[in-house]
C-alpha atoms as a PDB file:
ATOM      1  CA  MET A   1       0.072   0.243   0.081  1.00  0.00           C
ATOM      2  CA  PRO A   2       1.757   3.498  -1.446  1.00  0.00           C
ATOM      3  CA  VAL A   3       2.531   5.909   1.682  1.00  0.00           C
ATOM      4  CA  LEU A   4       2.012   9.442   0.416  1.00  0.00           C
ATOM      5  CA  THR A   5       3.160  11.123   3.332  1.00  0.00           C
ATOM      6  CA  PRO A   6       4.035   9.427   7.254  1.00  0.00           C
ATOM      7  CA  ASN A   7       0.044  10.030   7.688  1.00  0.00           C
ATOM      8  CA  VAL A   8      -1.350   8.816   4.134  1.00  0.00           C
ATOM      9  CA  ARG A   9      -1.743   5.931   2.360  1.00  0.00           C
ATOM     10  CA  VAL A  10      -3.906   4.733  -0.314  1.00  0.00           C
ATOM     11  CA  HIS A  11      -5.021   1.989  -1.829  1.00  0.00           C
ATOM     12  CA  SER A  12      -7.251   1.736  -4.974  1.00  0.00           C
ATOM     13  CA  LEU A  13      -9.929  -0.036  -5.105  1.00  0.00           C
ATOM     14  CA  TYR A  14     -10.894   1.355  -8.600  1.00  0.00           C
ATOM     15  CA  ALA A  15     -11.358   4.238  -6.904  1.00  0.00           C
ATOM     16  CA  ASN A  16      -9.002   5.254  -4.655  1.00  0.00           C
ATOM     17  CA  VAL A  17      -9.087   4.499  -1.083  1.00  0.00           C
ATOM     18  CA  TYR A  18      -7.169   7.294   1.385  1.00  0.00           C
ATOM     19  CA  LEU A  19      -6.031   6.287   5.041  1.00  0.00           C
ATOM     20  CA  LEU A  20      -5.676   9.542   6.983  1.00  0.00           C
ATOM     21  CA  SER A  21      -3.741   9.733  10.204  1.00  0.00           C
ATOM     22  CA  SER A  22      -3.298  12.735  12.373  1.00  0.00           C
ATOM     23  CA  PRO A  23      -3.108  12.830  16.102  1.00  0.00           C
ATOM     24  CA  ALA A  24      -7.142  13.252  16.335  1.00  0.00           C
ATOM     25  CA  GLY A  25      -8.131  10.457  15.149  1.00  0.00           C
ATOM     26  CA  ARG A  26      -7.912   7.852  11.912  1.00  0.00           C
ATOM     27  CA  LEU A  27     -10.018   8.850   9.169  1.00  0.00           C
ATOM     28  CA  LEU A  28     -10.827   6.704   6.026  1.00  0.00           C
ATOM     29  CA  VAL A  29     -11.697   8.525   3.152  1.00  0.00           C
ATOM     30  CA  ASP A  30     -14.410   6.731   0.380  1.00  0.00           C
ATOM     31  CA  THR A  31     -15.321   3.015   0.046  1.00  0.00           C
ATOM     32  CA  GLY A  32     -13.890   1.969  -3.094  1.00  0.00           C
ATOM     33  CA  ALA A  33     -16.597  -0.034  -6.130  1.00  0.00           C
ATOM     34  CA  TRP A  34     -18.755  -2.684  -4.551  1.00  0.00           C
ATOM     35  CA  PRO A  35     -16.465  -6.068  -6.720  1.00  0.00           C
ATOM     36  CA  TYR A  36     -13.613  -4.662  -4.285  1.00  0.00           C
ATOM     37  CA  ALA A  37     -15.710  -4.899  -0.979  1.00  0.00           C
ATOM     38  CA  ALA A  38     -14.048  -7.739   0.351  1.00  0.00           C
ATOM     39  CA  ARG A  39     -10.661  -6.140   0.116  1.00  0.00           C
ATOM     40  CA  PHE A  40     -12.028  -3.168   1.784  1.00  0.00           C
ATOM     41  CA  ASN A  41     -13.604  -4.805   4.307  1.00  0.00           C
ATOM     42  CA  ARG A  42      -9.453  -5.682   5.614  1.00  0.00           C
ATOM     43  CA  LEU A  43      -9.055  -2.142   5.328  1.00  0.00           C
ATOM     44  CA  LEU A  44     -11.174  -1.734   8.158  1.00  0.00           C
ATOM     45  CA  ARG A  45     -10.117  -4.387   9.365  1.00  0.00           C
ATOM     46  CA  ASP A  46      -6.249  -3.528   9.312  1.00  0.00           C
ATOM     47  CA  PHE A  47      -6.703   0.334   9.699  1.00  0.00           C
ATOM     48  CA  GLY A  48      -9.474   0.596  12.126  1.00  0.00           C
ATOM     49  CA  PRO A  49     -10.743   3.909  11.277  1.00  0.00           C
ATOM     50  CA  ASP A  50     -12.825   6.309  13.688  1.00  0.00           C
ATOM     51  CA  ALA A  51     -14.794   7.218  10.974  1.00  0.00           C
ATOM     52  CA  VAL A  52     -15.496   7.031   7.640  1.00  0.00           C
ATOM     53  CA  LEU A  53     -15.694   9.907   4.905  1.00  0.00           C
ATOM     54  CA  LEU A  54     -17.467   9.711   1.587  1.00  0.00           C
ATOM     55  CA  THR A  55     -16.661  12.792  -1.085  1.00  0.00           C
ATOM     56  CA  HIS A  56     -19.713  11.369  -2.956  1.00  0.00           C
ATOM     57  CA  ALA A  57     -22.273   8.968  -3.746  1.00  0.00           C
ATOM     58  CA  HIS A  58     -20.928   7.525  -7.018  1.00  0.00           C
ATOM     59  CA  VAL A  59     -20.890   3.600  -6.785  1.00  0.00           C
ATOM     60  CA  ASP A  60     -17.172   3.428  -7.398  1.00  0.00           C
ATOM     61  CA  HIS A  61     -16.358   5.765  -4.576  1.00  0.00           C
ATOM     62  CA  SER A  62     -19.730   4.485  -2.284  1.00  0.00           C
ATOM     63  CA  GLY A  63     -19.346   0.874  -3.119  1.00  0.00           C
ATOM     64  CA  GLY A  64     -18.117  -0.533   0.060  1.00  0.00           C
ATOM     65  CA  ALA A  65     -19.941   2.078   2.425  1.00  0.00           C
ATOM     66  CA  TRP A  66     -22.315  -0.765   3.941  1.00  0.00           C
ATOM     67  CA  ARG A  67     -19.106  -2.874   4.684  1.00  0.00           C
ATOM     68  CA  ALA A  68     -18.716  -0.089   7.296  1.00  0.00           C
ATOM     69  CA  ALA A  69     -22.208   0.671   8.344  1.00  0.00           C
ATOM     70  CA  ARG A  70     -22.213  -2.965   9.349  1.00  0.00           C
ATOM     71  CA  ARG A  71     -19.250  -2.095  11.663  1.00  0.00           C
ATOM     72  CA  GLY A  72     -20.832   0.668  12.928  1.00  0.00           C
ATOM     73  CA  LEU A  73     -19.017   3.395  12.384  1.00  0.00           C
ATOM     74  CA  PRO A  74     -20.097   6.993  11.008  1.00  0.00           C
ATOM     75  CA  LEU A  75     -20.497   7.407   7.022  1.00  0.00           C
ATOM     76  CA  LEU A  76     -20.088  11.328   7.149  1.00  0.00           C
ATOM     77  CA  ALA A  77     -21.182  12.713   3.646  1.00  0.00           C
ATOM     78  CA  HIS A  78     -22.799  15.768   2.192  1.00  0.00           C
ATOM     79  CA  PRO A  79     -26.511  15.657   2.928  1.00  0.00           C
ATOM     80  CA  LEU A  80     -26.762  16.174  -1.101  1.00  0.00           C
ATOM     81  CA  GLU A  81     -25.245  12.758  -1.031  1.00  0.00           C
ATOM     82  CA  HIS A  82     -27.866  11.167   1.255  1.00  0.00           C
ATOM     83  CA  PRO A  83     -30.660  10.139  -1.212  1.00  0.00           C
ATOM     84  CA  GLN A  84     -28.813   8.101  -3.348  1.00  0.00           C
ATOM     85  CA  LEU A  85     -26.131   6.645  -0.610  1.00  0.00           C
ATOM     86  CA  THR A  86     -29.843   5.307   0.779  1.00  0.00           C
ATOM     87  CA  GLY A  87     -31.429   4.557  -2.099  1.00  0.00           C
ATOM     88  CA  GLU A  88     -34.304   7.107  -2.165  1.00  0.00           C
ATOM     89  CA  ILE A  89     -32.831   7.776  -5.741  1.00  0.00           C
ATOM     90  CA  HIS A  90     -30.571   6.164  -8.614  1.00  0.00           C
ATOM     91  CA  SER A  91     -28.691   8.064 -11.188  1.00  0.00           C
ATOM     92  CA  LEU A  92     -25.490   8.276 -12.736  1.00  0.00           C
ATOM     93  CA  PRO A  93     -24.728  11.180 -15.030  1.00  0.00           C
ATOM     94  CA  TYR A  94     -22.343   9.314 -17.133  1.00  0.00           C
ATOM     95  CA  LEU A  95     -23.935   6.188 -18.795  1.00  0.00           C
ATOM     96  CA  ALA A  96     -25.502   8.839 -21.702  1.00  0.00           C
ATOM     97  CA  GLY A  97     -25.197   5.831 -23.792  1.00  0.00           C
ATOM     98  CA  GLY A  98     -28.197   4.032 -22.035  1.00  0.00           C
ATOM     99  CA  PRO A  99     -29.810   6.184 -19.621  1.00  0.00           C
ATOM    100  CA  GLY A 100     -31.492   3.499 -18.032  1.00  0.00           C
ATOM    101  CA  LEU A 101     -28.553   2.151 -16.636  1.00  0.00           C
ATOM    102  CA  GLY A 102     -27.457   5.731 -14.866  1.00  0.00           C
ATOM    103  CA  GLN A 103     -30.819   4.052 -12.577  1.00  0.00           C
ATOM    104  CA  LEU A 104     -30.000   0.178 -13.011  1.00  0.00           C
ATOM    105  CA  VAL A 105     -26.400   0.351 -12.127  1.00  0.00           C
ATOM    106  CA  PRO A 106     -26.542   2.514  -8.937  1.00  0.00           C
ATOM    107  CA  ARG A 107     -29.874   0.421  -7.966  1.00  0.00           C
ATOM    108  CA  VAL A 108     -28.296  -3.595  -7.833  1.00  0.00           C
ATOM    109  CA  HIS A 109     -25.604  -1.883  -5.452  1.00  0.00           C
ATOM    110  CA  PRO A 110     -26.024  -2.679  -1.691  1.00  0.00           C
ATOM    111  CA  LYS A 111     -27.216   0.719   0.207  1.00  0.00           C
ATOM    112  CA  VAL A 112     -26.676   2.170   3.915  1.00  0.00           C
ATOM    113  CA  THR A 113     -29.565   3.402   5.790  1.00  0.00           C
ATOM    114  CA  ALA A 114     -30.066   7.077   6.759  1.00  0.00           C
ATOM    115  CA  ASP A 115     -29.704   6.127  10.790  1.00  0.00           C
ATOM    116  CA  ALA A 116     -25.928   4.988   9.267  1.00  0.00           C
ATOM    117  CA  LEU A 117     -25.410   8.700   7.771  1.00  0.00           C
ATOM    118  CA  HIS A 118     -24.562  11.671   9.742  1.00  0.00           C
ATOM    119  CA  ALA A 119     -23.881  15.434   7.674  1.00  0.00           C
ATOM    120  CA  VAL A 120     -20.794  17.084   7.298  1.00  0.00           C
ATOM    121  CA  HIS A 121     -20.319  20.326   5.769  1.00  0.00           C
ATOM    122  CA  PRO A 122     -17.627  22.424   4.217  1.00  0.00           C
ATOM    123  CA  GLY A 123     -15.638  24.398   6.759  1.00  0.00           C
ATOM    124  CA  GLU A 124     -15.918  21.803   9.452  1.00  0.00           C
ATOM    125  CA  THR A 125     -13.145  19.469  10.662  1.00  0.00           C
ATOM    126  CA  VAL A 126     -13.358  16.011  11.353  1.00  0.00           C
ATOM    127  CA  LEU A 127     -11.025  14.371  12.868  1.00  0.00           C
ATOM    128  CA  GLY A 128      -7.750  17.185  12.341  1.00  0.00           C
ATOM    129  CA  TRP A 129      -9.058  17.462   8.630  1.00  0.00           C
ATOM    130  CA  GLU A 130     -10.866  20.631   7.154  1.00  0.00           C
ATOM    131  CA  VAL A 131     -14.119  19.861   5.075  1.00  0.00           C
ATOM    132  CA  VAL A 132     -13.947  21.169   1.667  1.00  0.00           C
ATOM    133  CA  ALA A 133     -16.996  22.231  -0.900  1.00  0.00           C
ATOM    134  CA  LEU A 134     -15.431  20.160  -4.308  1.00  0.00           C
ATOM    135  CA  PRO A 135     -19.446  20.312  -6.245  1.00  0.00           C
ATOM    136  CA  GLY A 136     -19.415  19.915  -9.973  1.00  0.00           C
ATOM    137  CA  HIS A 137     -18.897  16.141 -10.233  1.00  0.00           C
ATOM    138  CA  THR A 138     -21.663  15.803  -7.965  1.00  0.00           C
ATOM    139  CA  HIS A 139     -23.467  18.923  -6.074  1.00  0.00           C
ATOM    140  CA  GLY A 140     -22.540  17.807  -2.823  1.00  0.00           C
ATOM    141  CA  GLN A 141     -18.855  16.443  -3.555  1.00  0.00           C
ATOM    142  CA  ILE A 142     -16.656  17.163  -0.648  1.00  0.00           C
ATOM    143  CA  GLY A 143     -12.855  16.864   0.051  1.00  0.00           C
ATOM    144  CA  VAL A 144     -10.569  16.914   2.905  1.00  0.00           C
ATOM    145  CA  MET A 145      -7.210  18.952   3.370  1.00  0.00           C
ATOM    146  CA  MET A 146      -4.942  19.260   6.076  1.00  0.00           C
ATOM    147  CA  ASP A 147      -0.961  20.985   6.395  1.00  0.00           C
ATOM    148  CA  GLY A 148      -1.743  22.048   2.269  1.00  0.00           C
ATOM    149  CA  VAL A 149      -2.814  18.418   1.206  1.00  0.00           C
ATOM    150  CA  LEU A 150      -5.803  17.732  -0.452  1.00  0.00           C
ATOM    151  CA  VAL A 151      -7.663  14.879  -0.607  1.00  0.00           C
ATOM    152  CA  ALA A 152      -9.564  15.833  -3.827  1.00  0.00           C
ATOM    153  CA  ALA A 153     -11.885  13.356  -4.882  1.00  0.00           C
ATOM    154  CA  ASP A 154     -13.187  13.444  -8.639  1.00  0.00           C
ATOM    155  CA  ALA A 155     -12.779  17.230  -8.674  1.00  0.00           C
ATOM    156  CA  VAL A 156      -9.289  16.187 -10.454  1.00  0.00           C
ATOM    157  CA  ILE A 157      -7.984  13.087 -12.059  1.00  0.00           C
ATOM    158  CA  GLY A 158      -4.342  11.778 -12.144  1.00  0.00           C
ATOM    159  CA  ALA A 159      -2.714  10.597 -15.099  1.00  0.00           C
ATOM    160  CA  ALA A 160       0.228   9.870 -16.958  1.00  0.00           C
ATOM    161  CA  ASP A 161       0.228  13.496 -18.812  1.00  0.00           C
ATOM    162  CA  GLY A 162      -1.026  15.178 -15.582  1.00  0.00           C
ATOM    163  CA  ALA A 163      -4.139  16.321 -14.422  1.00  0.00           C
ATOM    164  CA  HIS A 164      -7.134  15.565 -16.302  1.00  0.00           C
ATOM    165  CA  LEU A 165     -10.760  17.145 -14.787  1.00  0.00           C
ATOM    166  CA  PRO A 166     -13.999  13.980 -15.685  1.00  0.00           C
ATOM    167  CA  ARG A 167     -15.607  14.454 -19.003  1.00  0.00           C
ATOM    168  CA  ALA A 168     -18.563  17.217 -19.421  1.00  0.00           C
ATOM    169  CA  THR A 169     -20.628  13.452 -19.520  1.00  0.00           C
ATOM    170  CA  TYR A 170     -19.826  12.561 -16.205  1.00  0.00           C
ATOM    171  CA  ASN A 171     -20.248  15.647 -14.094  1.00  0.00           C
ATOM    172  CA  ALA A 172     -23.320  16.810 -13.096  1.00  0.00           C
ATOM    173  CA  ASP A 173     -22.679  20.366 -13.450  1.00  0.00           C
ATOM    174  CA  HIS A 174     -19.541  21.041 -15.625  1.00  0.00           C
ATOM    175  CA  SER A 175     -19.315  24.275 -15.615  1.00  0.00           C
ATOM    176  CA  GLN A 176     -18.779  23.651 -11.833  1.00  0.00           C
ATOM    177  CA  ALA A 177     -16.822  21.783 -11.749  1.00  0.00           C
ATOM    178  CA  GLN A 178     -14.392  23.710 -13.961  1.00  0.00           C
ATOM    179  CA  HIS A 179     -14.918  26.521 -11.828  1.00  0.00           C
ATOM    180  CA  THR A 180     -13.563  24.378  -8.409  1.00  0.00           C
ATOM    181  CA  LEU A 181     -10.570  23.019 -10.575  1.00  0.00           C
ATOM    182  CA  ARG A 182      -9.287  26.764 -10.539  1.00  0.00           C
ATOM    183  CA  ARG A 183      -9.996  27.465  -6.952  1.00  0.00           C
ATOM    184  CA  ILE A 184      -8.106  24.622  -6.374  1.00  0.00           C
ATOM    185  CA  ALA A 185      -5.517  26.017  -8.264  1.00  0.00           C
ATOM    186  CA  GLU A 186      -5.567  28.973  -6.702  1.00  0.00           C
ATOM    187  CA  MET A 187      -5.183  26.507  -3.094  1.00  0.00           C
ATOM    188  CA  ASP A 188      -1.543  26.953  -1.221  1.00  0.00           C
ATOM    189  CA  LEU A 189      -1.206  23.355  -1.718  1.00  0.00           C
ATOM    190  CA  ARG A 190       2.085  20.769  -1.982  1.00  0.00           C
ATOM    191  CA  ALA A 191      -0.342  17.651  -2.932  1.00  0.00           C
ATOM    192  CA  VAL A 192      -3.467  17.408  -4.348  1.00  0.00           C
ATOM    193  CA  LEU A 193      -4.847  13.671  -4.325  1.00  0.00           C
ATOM    194  CA  PRO A 194      -6.806  12.612  -6.919  1.00  0.00           C
ATOM    195  CA  GLY A 195     -10.148   9.951  -6.292  1.00  0.00           C
ATOM    196  CA  HIS A 196      -8.660   7.908  -9.460  1.00  0.00           C
ATOM    197  CA  GLY A 197      -5.011   7.751 -10.695  1.00  0.00           C
ATOM    198  CA  GLY A 198      -1.192   9.416  -8.734  1.00  0.00           C
ATOM    199  CA  PRO A 199      -0.571  12.457  -6.950  1.00  0.00           C
ATOM    200  CA  LEU A 200      -0.914  15.336  -8.176  1.00  0.00           C
ATOM    201  CA  SER A 201       1.265  18.347  -8.074  1.00  0.00           C
ATOM    202  CA  PRO A 202      -0.137  21.816  -7.980  1.00  0.00           C
ATOM    203  CA  GLU A 203       2.145  23.143 -10.974  1.00  0.00           C
ATOM    204  CA  GLN A 204       0.153  19.856 -12.576  1.00  0.00           C
ATOM    205  CA  VAL A 205      -3.306  20.994 -11.347  1.00  0.00           C
ATOM    206  CA  ARG A 206      -2.649  24.763 -11.951  1.00  0.00           C
ATOM    207  CA  ARG A 207      -1.432  23.673 -16.281  1.00  0.00           C
ATOM    208  CA  ARG A 208      -4.619  22.178 -16.584  1.00  0.00           C
ATOM    209  CA  ALA A 209      -6.807  24.607 -14.915  1.00  0.00           C
ATOM    210  CA  GLY A 210      -5.129  27.050 -16.915  1.00  0.00           C
ATOM    211  CA  ARG A 211      -7.192  25.601 -20.087  1.00  0.00           C
ATOM    212  CA  THR A 212     -10.550  25.448 -18.541  1.00  0.00           C
END
């Protein structure tokens, strides 16, 4: 499991799952895709988080949430993401070639109950990490930040040739996603940790933001 800093480890379960440690406790960010649920369960056992934060409700990032809920761990997410996490609504924006799939795919994934979810809002601090609003990919997408390290969810994607935005089809509001990327580029950061791909430097993010 790669160690990005002494306090940050990452494990790829299709989407990146981040294991964050601070003097305030252990925070696990995102839960990976459903087919990786057994591996995610081992992460829960070995890391022993105090809480799990879901950056957004897309199934590649929340597919193992039910495992955490089964262990009695608090699941933290922005309130705008709760209806999809509980199954009140079923929607994925990026299956444009077959809109029915956008409802079917999340419908077949395990859901969590409303009482397992706890609302978290930008500006709050969770186990030493500041919650940051990163809307655009979804309306309630959030990340966390500490000491110049931003866990950025799908506000930006890491690739061999640098930083990318998810395609417009993948975003709930592409204009807002572009605005969020530009805002990240203006932050005083030393590392940006994306929802997919490897870590990014602030300069890589600034270069991509300059093309929006």
